[in-house]
Amino acid sequence: MAEISLDEPEMENVYLGEDFGIDCGSKCATRCSKSGHAACMTFCQKCCERCRCVPSGTYGNKHECPCYRDMRNSKGGPKCP
């Protein structure tokens, strides 16, 4: 079983994928279904693995997953699609 620390704000109220059956591949396939970019799947899966959640739909709804919403790339832009 994965160990988490609730001291990290982005980990509060986040379900661990293995324990709660989140399938990053299918969630990201839905999320990236309209993007047409392979990079969408790559970054979505990285974000899902870290945050253990993916917002619903193909765009927006990032309020559903604050960790996913708040991840940033090296230039300060959003990392997760």
C-alpha atoms as a PDB file:
ATOM      1  CA  MET A   1       0.000   0.000   0.000  1.00  0.00           C
ATOM      2  CA  ALA A   2       1.338   3.446  -0.926  1.00  0.00           C
ATOM      3  CA  GLU A   3       2.189   5.811   1.876  1.00  0.00           C
ATOM      4  CA  ILE A   4       0.976   9.404   1.753  1.00  0.00           C
ATOM      5  CA  SER A   5       1.441  12.424   3.905  1.00  0.00           C
ATOM      6  CA  LEU A   6      -1.527  14.725   4.363  1.00  0.00           C
ATOM      7  CA  ASP A   7       0.911  17.494   5.296  1.00  0.00           C
ATOM      8  CA  GLU A   8       1.298  18.170   1.576  1.00  0.00           C
ATOM      9  CA  PRO A   9      -1.665  20.340   0.524  1.00  0.00           C
ATOM     10  CA  GLU A  10      -1.931  18.830  -2.970  1.00  0.00           C
ATOM     11  CA  MET A  11      -2.415  15.365  -1.485  1.00  0.00           C
ATOM     12  CA  GLU A  12      -5.466  16.198   0.626  1.00  0.00           C
ATOM     13  CA  ASN A  13      -8.652  14.451  -0.496  1.00  0.00           C
ATOM     14  CA  VAL A  14      -6.829  12.620  -3.287  1.00  0.00           C
ATOM     15  CA  TYR A  15      -7.471   8.915  -3.793  1.00  0.00           C
ATOM     16  CA  LEU A  16      -4.563   6.602  -4.486  1.00  0.00           C
ATOM     17  CA  GLY A  17      -4.959   4.930  -7.864  1.00  0.00           C
ATOM     18  CA  GLU A  18      -4.144   1.370  -6.839  1.00  0.00           C
ATOM     19  CA  ASP A  19      -6.443   1.477  -3.845  1.00  0.00           C
ATOM     20  CA  PHE A  20      -9.443   3.036  -5.542  1.00  0.00           C
ATOM     21  CA  GLY A  21      -9.117   1.649  -9.063  1.00  0.00           C
ATOM     22  CA  ILE A  22      -8.275   4.808 -11.017  1.00  0.00           C
ATOM     23  CA  ASP A  23      -7.064   3.847 -14.481  1.00  0.00           C
ATOM     24  CA  CYS A  24      -4.824   6.682 -15.660  1.00  0.00           C
ATOM     25  CA  GLY A  25      -4.698   5.266 -19.196  1.00  0.00           C
ATOM     26  CA  SER A  26      -8.448   5.351 -19.765  1.00  0.00           C
ATOM     27  CA  LYS A  27      -8.962   8.623 -17.879  1.00  0.00           C
ATOM     28  CA  CYS A  28      -6.242  10.295 -19.964  1.00  0.00           C
ATOM     29  CA  ALA A  29      -7.569   8.753 -23.176  1.00  0.00           C
ATOM     30  CA  THR A  30     -10.877  10.484 -22.455  1.00  0.00           C
ATOM     31  CA  ARG A  31      -9.174  13.720 -21.395  1.00  0.00           C
ATOM     32  CA  CYS A  32      -6.998  13.823 -24.531  1.00  0.00           C
ATOM     33  CA  SER A  33      -9.540  12.409 -27.010  1.00  0.00           C
ATOM     34  CA  LYS A  34      -9.988  15.725 -28.817  1.00  0.00           C
ATOM     35  CA  SER A  35      -6.440  17.071 -28.566  1.00  0.00           C
ATOM     36  CA  GLY A  36      -4.783  15.203 -31.444  1.00  0.00           C
ATOM     37  CA  HIS A  37      -1.417  15.500 -29.672  1.00  0.00           C
ATOM     38  CA  ALA A  38       0.581  12.558 -28.297  1.00  0.00           C
ATOM     39  CA  ALA A  39       2.090  14.947 -25.747  1.00  0.00           C
ATOM     40  CA  CYS A  40      -1.348  15.288 -24.139  1.00  0.00           C
ATOM     41  CA  MET A  41      -1.334  11.603 -23.157  1.00  0.00           C
ATOM     42  CA  THR A  42       2.265  11.758 -21.944  1.00  0.00           C
ATOM     43  CA  PHE A  43       1.694  14.721 -19.653  1.00  0.00           C
ATOM     44  CA  CYS A  44      -1.762  13.624 -18.542  1.00  0.00           C
ATOM     45  CA  GLN A  45      -0.410  10.265 -17.429  1.00  0.00           C
ATOM     46  CA  LYS A  46       2.477  11.883 -15.534  1.00  0.00           C
ATOM     47  CA  CYS A  47       0.030  14.180 -13.772  1.00  0.00           C
ATOM     48  CA  CYS A  48      -2.395  11.346 -13.044  1.00  0.00           C
ATOM     49  CA  GLU A  49       0.345   9.176 -11.566  1.00  0.00           C
ATOM     50  CA  ARG A  50       1.370  11.974  -9.212  1.00  0.00           C
ATOM     51  CA  CYS A  51      -2.070  13.348  -8.357  1.00  0.00           C
ATOM     52  CA  ARG A  52      -4.114  10.124  -8.646  1.00  0.00           C
ATOM     53  CA  CYS A  53      -6.911  11.992 -10.398  1.00  0.00           C
ATOM     54  CA  VAL A  54      -7.819  13.439 -13.793  1.00  0.00           C
ATOM     55  CA  PRO A  55     -10.515  16.087 -14.279  1.00  0.00           C
ATOM     56  CA  SER A  56     -13.625  14.967 -16.139  1.00  0.00           C
ATOM     57  CA  GLY A  57     -14.228  15.878 -19.756  1.00  0.00           C
ATOM     58  CA  THR A  58     -11.791  16.918 -22.455  1.00  0.00           C
ATOM     59  CA  TYR A  59     -11.188  20.478 -21.236  1.00  0.00           C
ATOM     60  CA  GLY A  60     -11.563  22.530 -18.067  1.00  0.00           C
ATOM     61  CA  ASN A  61     -12.977  21.141 -14.810  1.00  0.00           C
ATOM     62  CA  LYS A  62      -9.535  21.381 -13.179  1.00  0.00           C
ATOM     63  CA  HIS A  63     -11.218  22.479  -9.952  1.00  0.00           C
ATOM     64  CA  GLU A  64     -12.072  18.776  -9.500  1.00  0.00           C
ATOM     65  CA  CYS A  65      -8.382  17.964  -9.047  1.00  0.00           C
ATOM     66  CA  PRO A  66      -6.362  20.763  -7.391  1.00  0.00           C
ATOM     67  CA  CYS A  67      -3.050  18.856  -7.558  1.00  0.00           C
ATOM     68  CA  TYR A  68      -3.510  18.329 -11.319  1.00  0.00           C
ATOM     69  CA  ARG A  69      -4.520  21.991 -11.731  1.00  0.00           C
ATOM     70  CA  ASP A  70      -1.550  23.360  -9.772  1.00  0.00           C
ATOM     71  CA  MET A  71       1.295  21.377 -11.387  1.00  0.00           C
ATOM     72  CA  ARG A  72       3.523  23.728 -13.423  1.00  0.00           C
ATOM     73  CA  ASN A  73       6.151  23.256 -16.108  1.00  0.00           C
ATOM     74  CA  SER A  74       9.615  24.835 -15.963  1.00  0.00           C
ATOM     75  CA  LYS A  75       8.285  28.024 -17.585  1.00  0.00           C
ATOM     76  CA  GLY A  76       5.476  28.417 -15.045  1.00  0.00           C
ATOM     77  CA  GLY A  77       2.689  27.334 -17.380  1.00  0.00           C
ATOM     78  CA  PRO A  78       0.249  24.520 -16.650  1.00  0.00           C
ATOM     79  CA  LYS A  79       1.856  21.085 -16.956  1.00  0.00           C
ATOM     80  CA  CYS A  80      -1.330  19.032 -17.077  1.00  0.00           C
ATOM     81  CA  PRO A  81      -3.732  19.143 -20.020  1.00  0.00           C
END
